[in-house]
Amino acid sequence: MPTPRAAGPADLPGLPARAEEVLEVVEAIPPGHVLTYGDVGEIVGDRGPRFVGNVLRRFGSDVCWWRVLRADGSAAPGLAERAVAHWRAEGVPLRRDERDADRVRVDLARARWDGAGLLPDGPGGEAP
């Protein structure tokens, strides 16, 4: 018999199945690591970055949303200040660390999670 998991944001009533998949992937990203919106979309299957961003905007306030970012390593518009505070607290490697949160960028080469257990070869189809 499977072990029941704790209730989480993916257990919201009326949550669309694809949105639940996005939130489950986001919940799986370990502290100190990140994925891009496109990475998450690839993991859930044939979903683009806009879909992932839309899900996080609508349903993602209770997950570690700051671990999902734009392809250039930046936070979504309007979220930079809070995201950068989380990145610094978690020790996420940064390639540009400045006072202006809108200019801070995560070092994706070092911080990108390999998606262990979610994709056979990690995001982008490349072996980690």
N, C-alpha and C. Protein backbone atom coordinates (compact mmCIF):
# COMPACT_ATOMS: atom_id res chain seq x y z
N MET A 1 0.85 -1.19 0.00
CA MET A 1 0.00 0.00 0.00
C MET A 1 0.89 1.24 0.00
N PRO A 2 0.66 2.21 -0.93
CA PRO A 2 1.51 3.40 -0.99
C PRO A 2 1.37 4.26 0.26
N THR A 3 2.46 4.93 0.59
CA THR A 3 2.45 5.85 1.73
C THR A 3 1.73 7.12 1.32
N PRO A 4 0.73 7.54 2.09
CA PRO A 4 0.02 8.77 1.73
C PRO A 4 0.96 9.97 1.90
N ARG A 5 0.88 10.92 0.97
CA ARG A 5 1.70 12.11 1.09
C ARG A 5 0.91 13.21 1.79
N ALA A 6 1.62 14.15 2.35
CA ALA A 6 0.97 15.26 3.02
C ALA A 6 0.21 16.10 2.01
N ALA A 7 -0.88 16.68 2.43
CA ALA A 7 -1.63 17.57 1.55
C ALA A 7 -0.77 18.76 1.20
N GLY A 8 -0.83 19.19 -0.02
CA GLY A 8 -0.03 20.33 -0.48
C GLY A 8 -0.82 21.15 -1.46
N PRO A 9 -0.16 22.13 -2.09
CA PRO A 9 -0.87 23.00 -3.03
C PRO A 9 -1.45 22.24 -4.21
N ALA A 10 -0.88 21.11 -4.55
CA ALA A 10 -1.42 20.33 -5.66
C ALA A 10 -2.74 19.66 -5.30
N ASP A 11 -3.15 19.77 -4.05
CA ASP A 11 -4.41 19.17 -3.61
C ASP A 11 -5.55 20.18 -3.59
N LEU A 12 -5.36 21.35 -4.20
CA LEU A 12 -6.41 22.35 -4.23
C LEU A 12 -7.63 21.81 -4.98
N PRO A 13 -8.84 22.02 -4.45
CA PRO A 13 -10.02 21.55 -5.16
C PRO A 13 -10.17 22.26 -6.50
N GLY A 14 -10.53 21.51 -7.52
CA GLY A 14 -10.76 22.08 -8.84
C GLY A 14 -9.49 22.40 -9.62
N LEU A 15 -8.34 21.98 -9.13
CA LEU A 15 -7.08 22.24 -9.82
C LEU A 15 -6.99 21.37 -11.07
N PRO A 16 -6.79 21.98 -12.25
CA PRO A 16 -6.66 21.16 -13.46
C PRO A 16 -5.49 20.19 -13.35
N ALA A 17 -5.61 19.02 -13.97
CA ALA A 17 -4.58 17.98 -13.87
C ALA A 17 -3.22 18.47 -14.33
N ARG A 18 -3.15 19.18 -15.44
CA ARG A 18 -1.86 19.67 -15.95
C ARG A 18 -1.26 20.69 -14.98
N ALA A 19 -2.10 21.50 -14.35
CA ALA A 19 -1.60 22.46 -13.36
C ALA A 19 -1.04 21.72 -12.15
N GLU A 20 -1.70 20.66 -11.75
CA GLU A 20 -1.21 19.86 -10.63
C GLU A 20 0.17 19.29 -10.94
N GLU A 21 0.36 18.82 -12.18
CA GLU A 21 1.66 18.28 -12.57
C GLU A 21 2.75 19.35 -12.47
N VAL A 22 2.44 20.56 -12.89
CA VAL A 22 3.41 21.66 -12.80
C VAL A 22 3.78 21.90 -11.35
N LEU A 23 2.78 21.99 -10.48
CA LEU A 23 3.06 22.27 -9.06
C LEU A 23 3.85 21.14 -8.41
N GLU A 24 3.60 19.91 -8.82
CA GLU A 24 4.36 18.79 -8.26
C GLU A 24 5.82 18.85 -8.68
N VAL A 25 6.09 19.24 -9.91
CA VAL A 25 7.48 19.39 -10.36
C VAL A 25 8.15 20.51 -9.57
N VAL A 26 7.47 21.64 -9.42
CA VAL A 26 8.05 22.77 -8.70
C VAL A 26 8.34 22.38 -7.25
N GLU A 27 7.43 21.64 -6.62
CA GLU A 27 7.65 21.19 -5.25
C GLU A 27 8.87 20.26 -5.13
N ALA A 28 9.21 19.58 -6.21
CA ALA A 28 10.33 18.62 -6.19
C ALA A 28 11.70 19.28 -6.34
N ILE A 29 11.76 20.53 -6.78
CA ILE A 29 13.05 21.21 -6.98
C ILE A 29 13.70 21.41 -5.61
N PRO A 30 14.91 20.88 -5.43
CA PRO A 30 15.57 21.02 -4.12
C PRO A 30 16.02 22.45 -3.83
N PRO A 31 16.11 22.83 -2.56
CA PRO A 31 16.65 24.14 -2.20
C PRO A 31 18.04 24.33 -2.81
N GLY A 32 18.30 25.55 -3.27
CA GLY A 32 19.60 25.86 -3.86
C GLY A 32 19.68 25.56 -5.34
N HIS A 33 18.62 25.03 -5.91
CA HIS A 33 18.57 24.69 -7.33
C HIS A 33 17.38 25.37 -7.98
N VAL A 34 17.39 25.41 -9.31
CA VAL A 34 16.33 26.06 -10.07
C VAL A 34 16.04 25.28 -11.34
N LEU A 35 14.91 25.59 -11.95
CA LEU A 35 14.58 25.17 -13.31
C LEU A 35 14.01 26.39 -14.02
N THR A 36 14.08 26.40 -15.33
CA THR A 36 13.43 27.47 -16.08
C THR A 36 11.97 27.07 -16.32
N TYR A 37 11.17 28.05 -16.71
CA TYR A 37 9.78 27.77 -17.05
C TYR A 37 9.72 26.71 -18.15
N GLY A 38 10.61 26.82 -19.13
CA GLY A 38 10.65 25.84 -20.22
C GLY A 38 11.03 24.45 -19.74
N ASP A 39 11.96 24.36 -18.78
CA ASP A 39 12.34 23.06 -18.22
C ASP A 39 11.13 22.37 -17.60
N VAL A 40 10.38 23.12 -16.80
CA VAL A 40 9.20 22.56 -16.14
C VAL A 40 8.18 22.12 -17.18
N GLY A 41 7.97 22.94 -18.20
CA GLY A 41 7.04 22.58 -19.27
C GLY A 41 7.45 21.30 -19.97
N GLU A 42 8.74 21.13 -20.20
CA GLU A 42 9.24 19.92 -20.85
C GLU A 42 9.01 18.69 -19.96
N ILE A 43 9.24 18.85 -18.68
CA ILE A 43 9.06 17.73 -17.75
C ILE A 43 7.61 17.27 -17.70
N VAL A 44 6.67 18.22 -17.68
CA VAL A 44 5.26 17.83 -17.61
C VAL A 44 4.74 17.38 -18.98
N GLY A 45 5.50 17.64 -20.02
CA GLY A 45 5.15 17.12 -21.33
C GLY A 45 4.42 18.09 -22.22
N ASP A 46 5.12 18.56 -23.24
CA ASP A 46 4.52 19.37 -24.29
C ASP A 46 3.78 20.60 -23.76
N ARG A 47 4.37 21.24 -22.79
CA ARG A 47 3.81 22.50 -22.28
C ARG A 47 4.89 23.56 -22.35
N GLY A 48 4.52 24.74 -22.80
CA GLY A 48 5.50 25.80 -22.96
C GLY A 48 5.68 26.62 -21.70
N PRO A 49 6.67 27.51 -21.73
CA PRO A 49 6.95 28.35 -20.57
C PRO A 49 5.78 29.22 -20.14
N ARG A 50 5.01 29.70 -21.09
CA ARG A 50 3.86 30.55 -20.73
C ARG A 50 2.81 29.79 -19.93
N PHE A 51 2.61 28.53 -20.30
CA PHE A 51 1.66 27.70 -19.54
C PHE A 51 2.14 27.57 -18.10
N VAL A 52 3.42 27.26 -17.93
CA VAL A 52 3.98 27.09 -16.58
C VAL A 52 3.86 28.39 -15.79
N GLY A 53 4.21 29.51 -16.41
CA GLY A 53 4.09 30.80 -15.74
C GLY A 53 2.66 31.11 -15.34
N ASN A 54 1.72 30.78 -16.21
CA ASN A 54 0.30 30.99 -15.91
C ASN A 54 -0.14 30.16 -14.71
N VAL A 55 0.29 28.89 -14.68
CA VAL A 55 -0.06 28.02 -13.54
C VAL A 55 0.51 28.60 -12.25
N LEU A 56 1.77 29.00 -12.27
CA LEU A 56 2.38 29.54 -11.05
C LEU A 56 1.72 30.84 -10.62
N ARG A 57 1.34 31.67 -11.59
CA ARG A 57 0.66 32.92 -11.26
C ARG A 57 -0.69 32.65 -10.59
N ARG A 58 -1.42 31.68 -11.11
CA ARG A 58 -2.77 31.41 -10.60
C ARG A 58 -2.80 30.52 -9.36
N PHE A 59 -1.89 29.51 -9.30
CA PHE A 59 -2.00 28.51 -8.24
C PHE A 59 -0.72 28.33 -7.42
N GLY A 60 0.34 29.04 -7.75
CA GLY A 60 1.65 28.72 -7.19
C GLY A 60 2.10 29.44 -5.95
N SER A 61 1.24 30.16 -5.28
CA SER A 61 1.69 30.94 -4.12
C SER A 61 2.17 30.08 -2.96
N ASP A 62 1.77 28.82 -2.90
CA ASP A 62 2.17 27.95 -1.79
C ASP A 62 3.30 27.00 -2.13
N VAL A 63 3.89 27.14 -3.32
CA VAL A 63 5.04 26.31 -3.69
C VAL A 63 6.27 27.22 -3.79
N CYS A 64 7.43 26.63 -3.96
CA CYS A 64 8.69 27.39 -4.04
C CYS A 64 8.84 28.01 -5.44
N TRP A 65 7.96 28.93 -5.77
CA TRP A 65 7.88 29.57 -7.09
C TRP A 65 9.19 30.23 -7.49
N TRP A 66 9.99 30.68 -6.54
CA TRP A 66 11.24 31.37 -6.83
C TRP A 66 12.30 30.44 -7.44
N ARG A 67 12.05 29.13 -7.39
CA ARG A 67 12.98 28.17 -7.99
C ARG A 67 12.70 27.95 -9.48
N VAL A 68 11.71 28.66 -10.02
CA VAL A 68 11.40 28.60 -11.45
C VAL A 68 11.62 30.00 -12.01
N LEU A 69 12.46 30.09 -13.03
CA LEU A 69 12.82 31.41 -13.52
C LEU A 69 12.92 31.45 -15.03
N ARG A 70 13.21 32.62 -15.54
CA ARG A 70 13.29 32.82 -16.99
C ARG A 70 14.57 32.21 -17.55
N ALA A 71 14.61 32.00 -18.84
CA ALA A 71 15.74 31.33 -19.50
C ALA A 71 17.04 32.11 -19.37
N ASP A 72 16.97 33.42 -19.08
CA ASP A 72 18.19 34.20 -18.90
C ASP A 72 18.67 34.21 -17.45
N GLY A 73 18.00 33.45 -16.58
CA GLY A 73 18.40 33.37 -15.17
C GLY A 73 17.78 34.43 -14.29
N SER A 74 16.82 35.17 -14.82
CA SER A 74 16.19 36.24 -14.04
C SER A 74 14.83 35.81 -13.51
N ALA A 75 14.36 36.55 -12.52
CA ALA A 75 13.04 36.31 -11.95
C ALA A 75 11.97 36.91 -12.85
N ALA A 76 10.76 36.42 -12.69
CA ALA A 76 9.62 36.98 -13.42
C ALA A 76 9.43 38.45 -13.02
N PRO A 77 8.96 39.25 -13.96
CA PRO A 77 8.73 40.67 -13.65
C PRO A 77 7.84 40.85 -12.42
N GLY A 78 8.25 41.75 -11.57
CA GLY A 78 7.48 42.03 -10.36
C GLY A 78 7.80 41.13 -9.18
N LEU A 79 8.58 40.08 -9.41
CA LEU A 79 8.90 39.14 -8.33
C LEU A 79 10.38 39.13 -7.95
N ALA A 80 11.17 39.96 -8.64
CA ALA A 80 12.63 39.89 -8.49
C ALA A 80 13.09 40.09 -7.05
N GLU A 81 12.59 41.09 -6.38
CA GLU A 81 13.06 41.38 -5.02
C GLU A 81 12.85 40.20 -4.08
N ARG A 82 11.65 39.61 -4.11
CA ARG A 82 11.37 38.46 -3.23
C ARG A 82 12.15 37.23 -3.68
N ALA A 83 12.24 37.02 -5.01
CA ALA A 83 12.97 35.85 -5.51
C ALA A 83 14.45 35.92 -5.13
N VAL A 84 15.07 37.09 -5.30
CA VAL A 84 16.49 37.24 -4.99
C VAL A 84 16.74 36.97 -3.50
N ALA A 85 15.83 37.43 -2.65
CA ALA A 85 15.99 37.16 -1.20
C ALA A 85 15.98 35.65 -0.94
N HIS A 86 15.09 34.93 -1.60
CA HIS A 86 15.03 33.46 -1.46
C HIS A 86 16.31 32.82 -2.01
N TRP A 87 16.76 33.28 -3.19
CA TRP A 87 17.97 32.70 -3.80
C TRP A 87 19.16 32.87 -2.87
N ARG A 88 19.32 34.06 -2.33
CA ARG A 88 20.45 34.32 -1.43
C ARG A 88 20.34 33.46 -0.17
N ALA A 89 19.15 33.34 0.39
CA ALA A 89 18.95 32.53 1.60
C ALA A 89 19.26 31.06 1.35
N GLU A 90 18.97 30.57 0.13
CA GLU A 90 19.20 29.16 -0.20
C GLU A 90 20.59 28.90 -0.77
N GLY A 91 21.36 29.95 -0.97
CA GLY A 91 22.70 29.79 -1.53
C GLY A 91 22.72 29.43 -3.01
N VAL A 92 21.72 29.89 -3.76
CA VAL A 92 21.67 29.64 -5.20
C VAL A 92 22.84 30.39 -5.84
N PRO A 93 23.65 29.70 -6.67
CA PRO A 93 24.77 30.38 -7.34
C PRO A 93 24.26 31.48 -8.28
N LEU A 94 24.83 32.67 -8.13
CA LEU A 94 24.44 33.80 -8.95
C LEU A 94 25.60 34.19 -9.87
N ARG A 95 25.28 34.58 -11.10
CA ARG A 95 26.33 35.04 -12.00
C ARG A 95 26.38 36.56 -12.05
N ARG A 96 25.33 37.19 -11.64
CA ARG A 96 25.31 38.64 -11.51
C ARG A 96 24.55 38.95 -10.23
N ASP A 97 25.26 39.44 -9.22
CA ASP A 97 24.64 39.76 -7.94
C ASP A 97 24.81 41.26 -7.70
N GLU A 98 23.73 41.99 -7.85
CA GLU A 98 23.77 43.44 -7.72
C GLU A 98 22.71 43.90 -6.73
N ARG A 99 22.82 45.16 -6.34
CA ARG A 99 21.84 45.73 -5.41
C ARG A 99 20.44 45.77 -6.03
N ASP A 100 20.38 46.09 -7.31
CA ASP A 100 19.10 46.17 -8.03
C ASP A 100 18.64 44.74 -8.34
N ALA A 101 17.60 44.27 -7.64
CA ALA A 101 17.13 42.90 -7.79
C ALA A 101 16.74 42.56 -9.21
N ASP A 102 16.27 43.53 -9.98
CA ASP A 102 15.88 43.28 -11.37
C ASP A 102 17.07 42.91 -12.25
N ARG A 103 18.28 43.20 -11.81
CA ARG A 103 19.48 42.91 -12.60
C ARG A 103 20.20 41.64 -12.14
N VAL A 104 19.75 41.02 -11.06
CA VAL A 104 20.39 39.80 -10.55
C VAL A 104 20.04 38.63 -11.47
N ARG A 105 21.02 37.77 -11.73
CA ARG A 105 20.82 36.59 -12.57
C ARG A 105 21.39 35.37 -11.87
N VAL A 106 20.67 34.26 -11.97
CA VAL A 106 21.13 32.98 -11.45
C VAL A 106 22.11 32.38 -12.46
N ASP A 107 23.13 31.72 -11.95
CA ASP A 107 24.08 30.99 -12.79
C ASP A 107 23.46 29.64 -13.12
N LEU A 108 22.76 29.57 -14.25
CA LEU A 108 22.04 28.35 -14.62
C LEU A 108 22.96 27.15 -14.81
N ALA A 109 24.18 27.38 -15.25
CA ALA A 109 25.11 26.27 -15.45
C ALA A 109 25.41 25.56 -14.13
N ARG A 110 25.37 26.29 -13.05
CA ARG A 110 25.68 25.70 -11.73
C ARG A 110 24.43 25.39 -10.92
N ALA A 111 23.35 26.14 -11.12
CA ALA A 111 22.17 26.02 -10.24
C ALA A 111 21.06 25.16 -10.82
N ARG A 112 21.08 24.92 -12.12
CA ARG A 112 19.98 24.18 -12.75
C ARG A 112 19.94 22.76 -12.21
N TRP A 113 18.77 22.36 -11.73
CA TRP A 113 18.56 21.01 -11.21
C TRP A 113 18.49 20.04 -12.38
N ASP A 114 19.02 18.86 -12.19
CA ASP A 114 19.02 17.88 -13.28
C ASP A 114 17.69 17.14 -13.41
N GLY A 115 16.73 17.43 -12.56
CA GLY A 115 15.42 16.79 -12.66
C GLY A 115 15.45 15.31 -12.30
N ALA A 116 16.43 14.92 -11.49
CA ALA A 116 16.61 13.52 -11.13
C ALA A 116 15.29 12.88 -10.72
N GLY A 117 14.96 11.79 -11.42
CA GLY A 117 13.74 11.06 -11.13
C GLY A 117 12.52 11.56 -11.90
N LEU A 118 12.63 12.73 -12.53
CA LEU A 118 11.49 13.27 -13.27
C LEU A 118 11.63 13.06 -14.77
N LEU A 119 12.84 13.12 -15.29
CA LEU A 119 13.13 12.92 -16.69
C LEU A 119 14.31 11.97 -16.79
N PRO A 120 14.32 11.08 -17.74
CA PRO A 120 15.43 10.14 -17.84
C PRO A 120 16.78 10.84 -18.03
N ASP A 121 16.81 11.95 -18.77
CA ASP A 121 18.08 12.62 -19.05
C ASP A 121 18.14 14.05 -18.55
N GLY A 122 17.22 14.46 -17.67
CA GLY A 122 17.22 15.82 -17.16
C GLY A 122 16.62 16.79 -18.16
N PRO A 123 16.42 18.07 -17.74
CA PRO A 123 15.85 19.07 -18.64
C PRO A 123 16.73 19.26 -19.88
N GLY A 124 16.10 19.47 -21.01
CA GLY A 124 16.82 19.69 -22.25
C GLY A 124 17.25 18.42 -22.92
N GLY A 125 16.94 17.27 -22.32
CA GLY A 125 17.26 15.98 -22.93
C GLY A 125 18.73 15.62 -22.88
N GLU A 126 19.52 16.37 -22.10
CA GLU A 126 20.94 16.07 -21.99
C GLU A 126 21.23 15.36 -20.68
N ALA A 127 22.12 14.42 -20.72
CA ALA A 127 22.50 13.74 -19.50
C ALA A 127 23.16 14.71 -18.55
N PRO A 128 22.81 14.67 -17.26
CA PRO A 128 23.40 15.59 -16.30
C PRO A 128 24.87 15.33 -16.10
